[in-house]
Amino acid sequence: MKSQFLQIPFKKGHAGGFAETGDIDLHIKNKIMQVLFTIPGERVNLPEFGCRLRDLVFEGNNEVLRSAVTYTIFRSLTRWMGQEVRIDDVKVDSDEDEGILYIRIMYERLSDRVPDVLELAYKV
């Protein structure tokens, strides 16, 4: 039997409950994005959950910002997703003229040792 996971972000399912997905790749990527874009303090029952990525948008788009983003993402994902994935590398490049960070997260799912990559473009 194929595993089912709650779809993140939560959506209404066919029978009125929460929507589910059987796609483990999508499930893990959605959970990673949930960690990245949740501001610590946003969750009442888990106030430390999240990543301070949004706090960094007010820094200048330079090497210091890229290093801070790399460290922040690596630390947050290791803490909150460490039971499901191993973070192999986080690479951050930027287009300073456009104010865009290009984030590439390389990880391996611990359940089946399958490597994967999540790529994001983030406007700062």
C-alpha atoms as a PDB file:
ATOM      1  CA  MET A   1       0.000   0.000   0.000  1.00  0.00           C
ATOM      2  CA  LYS A   2       1.296   3.418  -0.953  1.00  0.00           C
ATOM      3  CA  SER A   3       1.795   5.914   1.881  1.00  0.00           C
ATOM      4  CA  GLN A   4      -0.397   8.992   2.031  1.00  0.00           C
ATOM      5  CA  PHE A   5       0.702  12.336   3.438  1.00  0.00           C
ATOM      6  CA  LEU A   6      -1.223  15.480   4.257  1.00  0.00           C
ATOM      7  CA  GLN A   7      -0.824  17.957   1.463  1.00  0.00           C
ATOM      8  CA  ILE A   8       1.087  21.065   2.537  1.00  0.00           C
ATOM      9  CA  PRO A   9      -0.115  23.768   2.400  1.00  0.00           C
ATOM     10  CA  PHE A  10      -3.342  22.264   3.697  1.00  0.00           C
ATOM     11  CA  LYS A  11      -6.182  22.036   1.208  1.00  0.00           C
ATOM     12  CA  LYS A  12      -9.712  20.708   1.346  1.00  0.00           C
ATOM     13  CA  GLY A  13      -9.984  17.147   0.047  1.00  0.00           C
ATOM     14  CA  HIS A  14     -12.686  15.443  -2.013  1.00  0.00           C
ATOM     15  CA  ALA A  15     -14.675  14.145   0.977  1.00  0.00           C
ATOM     16  CA  GLY A  16     -14.447  17.410   2.933  1.00  0.00           C
ATOM     17  CA  GLY A  17     -11.379  16.466   4.960  1.00  0.00           C
ATOM     18  CA  PHE A  18      -7.788  17.465   4.330  1.00  0.00           C
ATOM     19  CA  ALA A  19      -6.287  16.675   0.928  1.00  0.00           C
ATOM     20  CA  GLU A  20      -3.619  13.976   0.817  1.00  0.00           C
ATOM     21  CA  THR A  21      -0.796  13.186  -1.557  1.00  0.00           C
ATOM     22  CA  GLY A  22       1.122   9.994  -2.222  1.00  0.00           C
ATOM     23  CA  ASP A  23       4.048  11.873  -3.776  1.00  0.00           C
ATOM     24  CA  ILE A  24       6.870  11.723  -1.198  1.00  0.00           C
ATOM     25  CA  ASP A  25       9.018  14.111  -3.281  1.00  0.00           C
ATOM     26  CA  LEU A  26       6.329  16.778  -3.252  1.00  0.00           C
ATOM     27  CA  HIS A  27       5.597  16.162   0.430  1.00  0.00           C
ATOM     28  CA  ILE A  28       9.236  16.658   1.481  1.00  0.00           C
ATOM     29  CA  LYS A  29       9.690  19.739  -0.724  1.00  0.00           C
ATOM     30  CA  ASN A  30       6.543  21.286   0.710  1.00  0.00           C
ATOM     31  CA  LYS A  31       7.771  20.633   4.254  1.00  0.00           C
ATOM     32  CA  ILE A  32      11.125  22.223   3.457  1.00  0.00           C
ATOM     33  CA  MET A  33       9.388  25.324   2.093  1.00  0.00           C
ATOM     34  CA  GLN A  34       7.187  25.388   5.174  1.00  0.00           C
ATOM     35  CA  VAL A  35      10.303  25.559   7.372  1.00  0.00           C
ATOM     36  CA  LEU A  36      11.905  28.229   5.177  1.00  0.00           C
ATOM     37  CA  PHE A  37       8.919  30.554   5.009  1.00  0.00           C
ATOM     38  CA  THR A  38       7.571  30.230   8.546  1.00  0.00           C
ATOM     39  CA  ILE A  39       8.697  33.074  10.785  1.00  0.00           C
ATOM     40  CA  PRO A  40       9.801  31.913  14.261  1.00  0.00           C
ATOM     41  CA  GLY A  41       7.061  32.926  16.679  1.00  0.00           C
ATOM     42  CA  GLU A  42       4.336  32.433  14.073  1.00  0.00           C
ATOM     43  CA  ARG A  43       3.275  29.065  15.500  1.00  0.00           C
ATOM     44  CA  VAL A  44       1.787  29.330  18.968  1.00  0.00           C
ATOM     45  CA  ASN A  45       2.509  25.733  20.015  1.00  0.00           C
ATOM     46  CA  LEU A  46       5.993  25.628  18.466  1.00  0.00           C
ATOM     47  CA  PRO A  47       7.316  29.203  18.667  1.00  0.00           C
ATOM     48  CA  GLU A  48      10.903  28.336  17.640  1.00  0.00           C
ATOM     49  CA  PHE A  49       9.816  26.566  14.426  1.00  0.00           C
ATOM     50  CA  GLY A  50      10.863  28.181  11.179  1.00  0.00           C
ATOM     51  CA  CYS A  51      13.726  30.014   9.588  1.00  0.00           C
ATOM     52  CA  ARG A  52      14.741  33.651   9.807  1.00  0.00           C
ATOM     53  CA  LEU A  53      14.970  33.903   6.015  1.00  0.00           C
ATOM     54  CA  ARG A  54      12.519  36.806   5.849  1.00  0.00           C
ATOM     55  CA  ASP A  55      14.548  38.733   8.440  1.00  0.00           C
ATOM     56  CA  LEU A  56      17.478  38.770   6.036  1.00  0.00           C
ATOM     57  CA  VAL A  57      15.669  40.525   3.192  1.00  0.00           C
ATOM     58  CA  PHE A  58      16.589  43.912   4.623  1.00  0.00           C
ATOM     59  CA  GLU A  59      20.310  43.196   4.362  1.00  0.00           C
ATOM     60  CA  GLY A  60      22.244  44.319   1.300  1.00  0.00           C
ATOM     61  CA  ASN A  61      22.315  41.858  -1.584  1.00  0.00           C
ATOM     62  CA  ASN A  62      25.982  40.903  -1.315  1.00  0.00           C
ATOM     63  CA  GLU A  63      28.337  38.111  -0.216  1.00  0.00           C
ATOM     64  CA  VAL A  64      27.497  38.659   3.466  1.00  0.00           C
ATOM     65  CA  LEU A  65      23.790  38.128   2.743  1.00  0.00           C
ATOM     66  CA  ARG A  66      24.481  34.993   0.690  1.00  0.00           C
ATOM     67  CA  SER A  67      26.613  33.535   3.492  1.00  0.00           C
ATOM     68  CA  ALA A  68      23.990  34.377   6.126  1.00  0.00           C
ATOM     69  CA  VAL A  69      21.215  32.804   4.031  1.00  0.00           C
ATOM     70  CA  THR A  70      23.280  29.661   3.435  1.00  0.00           C
ATOM     71  CA  TYR A  71      23.992  29.251   7.158  1.00  0.00           C
ATOM     72  CA  THR A  72      20.426  30.062   8.231  1.00  0.00           C
ATOM     73  CA  ILE A  73      18.851  27.604   5.792  1.00  0.00           C
ATOM     74  CA  PHE A  74      21.309  24.818   6.600  1.00  0.00           C
ATOM     75  CA  ARG A  75      20.845  25.233  10.356  1.00  0.00           C
ATOM     76  CA  SER A  76      17.035  25.471  10.213  1.00  0.00           C
ATOM     77  CA  LEU A  77      16.567  22.493   7.904  1.00  0.00           C
ATOM     78  CA  THR A  78      18.990  20.362   9.897  1.00  0.00           C
ATOM     79  CA  ARG A  79      17.064  21.161  13.072  1.00  0.00           C
ATOM     80  CA  TRP A  80      13.500  20.816  11.797  1.00  0.00           C
ATOM     81  CA  MET A  81      13.884  18.263   9.002  1.00  0.00           C
ATOM     82  CA  GLY A  82      16.863  16.276  10.347  1.00  0.00           C
ATOM     83  CA  GLN A  83      14.748  13.173  11.007  1.00  0.00           C
ATOM     84  CA  GLU A  84      13.561  13.048   7.384  1.00  0.00           C
ATOM     85  CA  VAL A  85      16.400  14.440   5.260  1.00  0.00           C
ATOM     86  CA  ARG A  86      20.140  14.951   5.369  1.00  0.00           C
ATOM     87  CA  ILE A  87      21.128  18.333   4.000  1.00  0.00           C
ATOM     88  CA  ASP A  88      24.121  17.818   1.730  1.00  0.00           C
ATOM     89  CA  ASP A  89      24.651  21.375   0.561  1.00  0.00           C
ATOM     90  CA  VAL A  90      23.018  24.778   0.292  1.00  0.00           C
ATOM     91  CA  LYS A  91      24.158  27.095  -2.486  1.00  0.00           C
ATOM     92  CA  VAL A  92      23.040  30.701  -2.747  1.00  0.00           C
ATOM     93  CA  ASP A  93      23.720  32.903  -5.759  1.00  0.00           C
ATOM     94  CA  SER A  94      22.274  36.291  -6.487  1.00  0.00           C
ATOM     95  CA  ASP A  95      21.400  38.715  -9.190  1.00  0.00           C
ATOM     96  CA  GLU A  96      22.308  41.946  -7.434  1.00  0.00           C
ATOM     97  CA  ASP A  97      20.727  44.139 -10.131  1.00  0.00           C
ATOM     98  CA  GLU A  98      17.343  42.389  -9.887  1.00  0.00           C
ATOM     99  CA  GLY A  99      17.542  41.750  -6.126  1.00  0.00           C
ATOM    100  CA  ILE A 100      16.943  38.009  -6.456  1.00  0.00           C
ATOM    101  CA  LEU A 101      18.545  35.185  -4.490  1.00  0.00           C
ATOM    102  CA  TYR A 102      18.776  31.810  -6.198  1.00  0.00           C
ATOM    103  CA  ILE A 103      18.741  29.084  -3.565  1.00  0.00           C
ATOM    104  CA  ARG A 104      19.658  25.478  -4.315  1.00  0.00           C
ATOM    105  CA  ILE A 105      19.195  22.922  -1.528  1.00  0.00           C
ATOM    106  CA  MET A 106      20.677  19.473  -2.097  1.00  0.00           C
ATOM    107  CA  TYR A 107      19.434  16.805   0.284  1.00  0.00           C
ATOM    108  CA  GLU A 108      18.893  13.088   0.675  1.00  0.00           C
ATOM    109  CA  ARG A 109      15.709  11.513   2.014  1.00  0.00           C
ATOM    110  CA  LEU A 110      16.659   9.281   4.926  1.00  0.00           C
ATOM    111  CA  SER A 111      13.797   6.830   4.372  1.00  0.00           C
ATOM    112  CA  ASP A 112      15.107   5.548   1.050  1.00  0.00           C
ATOM    113  CA  ARG A 113      18.453   7.350   0.511  1.00  0.00           C
ATOM    114  CA  VAL A 114      17.163   9.131  -2.596  1.00  0.00           C
ATOM    115  CA  PRO A 115      18.969  12.408  -3.340  1.00  0.00           C
ATOM    116  CA  ASP A 116      16.935  15.392  -4.454  1.00  0.00           C
ATOM    117  CA  VAL A 117      17.259  19.120  -5.091  1.00  0.00           C
ATOM    118  CA  LEU A 118      14.969  22.035  -4.327  1.00  0.00           C
ATOM    119  CA  GLU A 119      15.596  25.263  -6.224  1.00  0.00           C
ATOM    120  CA  LEU A 120      14.008  28.574  -5.279  1.00  0.00           C
ATOM    121  CA  ALA A 121      14.205  32.161  -6.476  1.00  0.00           C
ATOM    122  CA  TYR A 122      13.646  34.610  -3.633  1.00  0.00           C
ATOM    123  CA  LYS A 123      13.154  38.349  -4.157  1.00  0.00           C
ATOM    124  CA  VAL A 124      15.017  40.473  -1.612  1.00  0.00           C
END
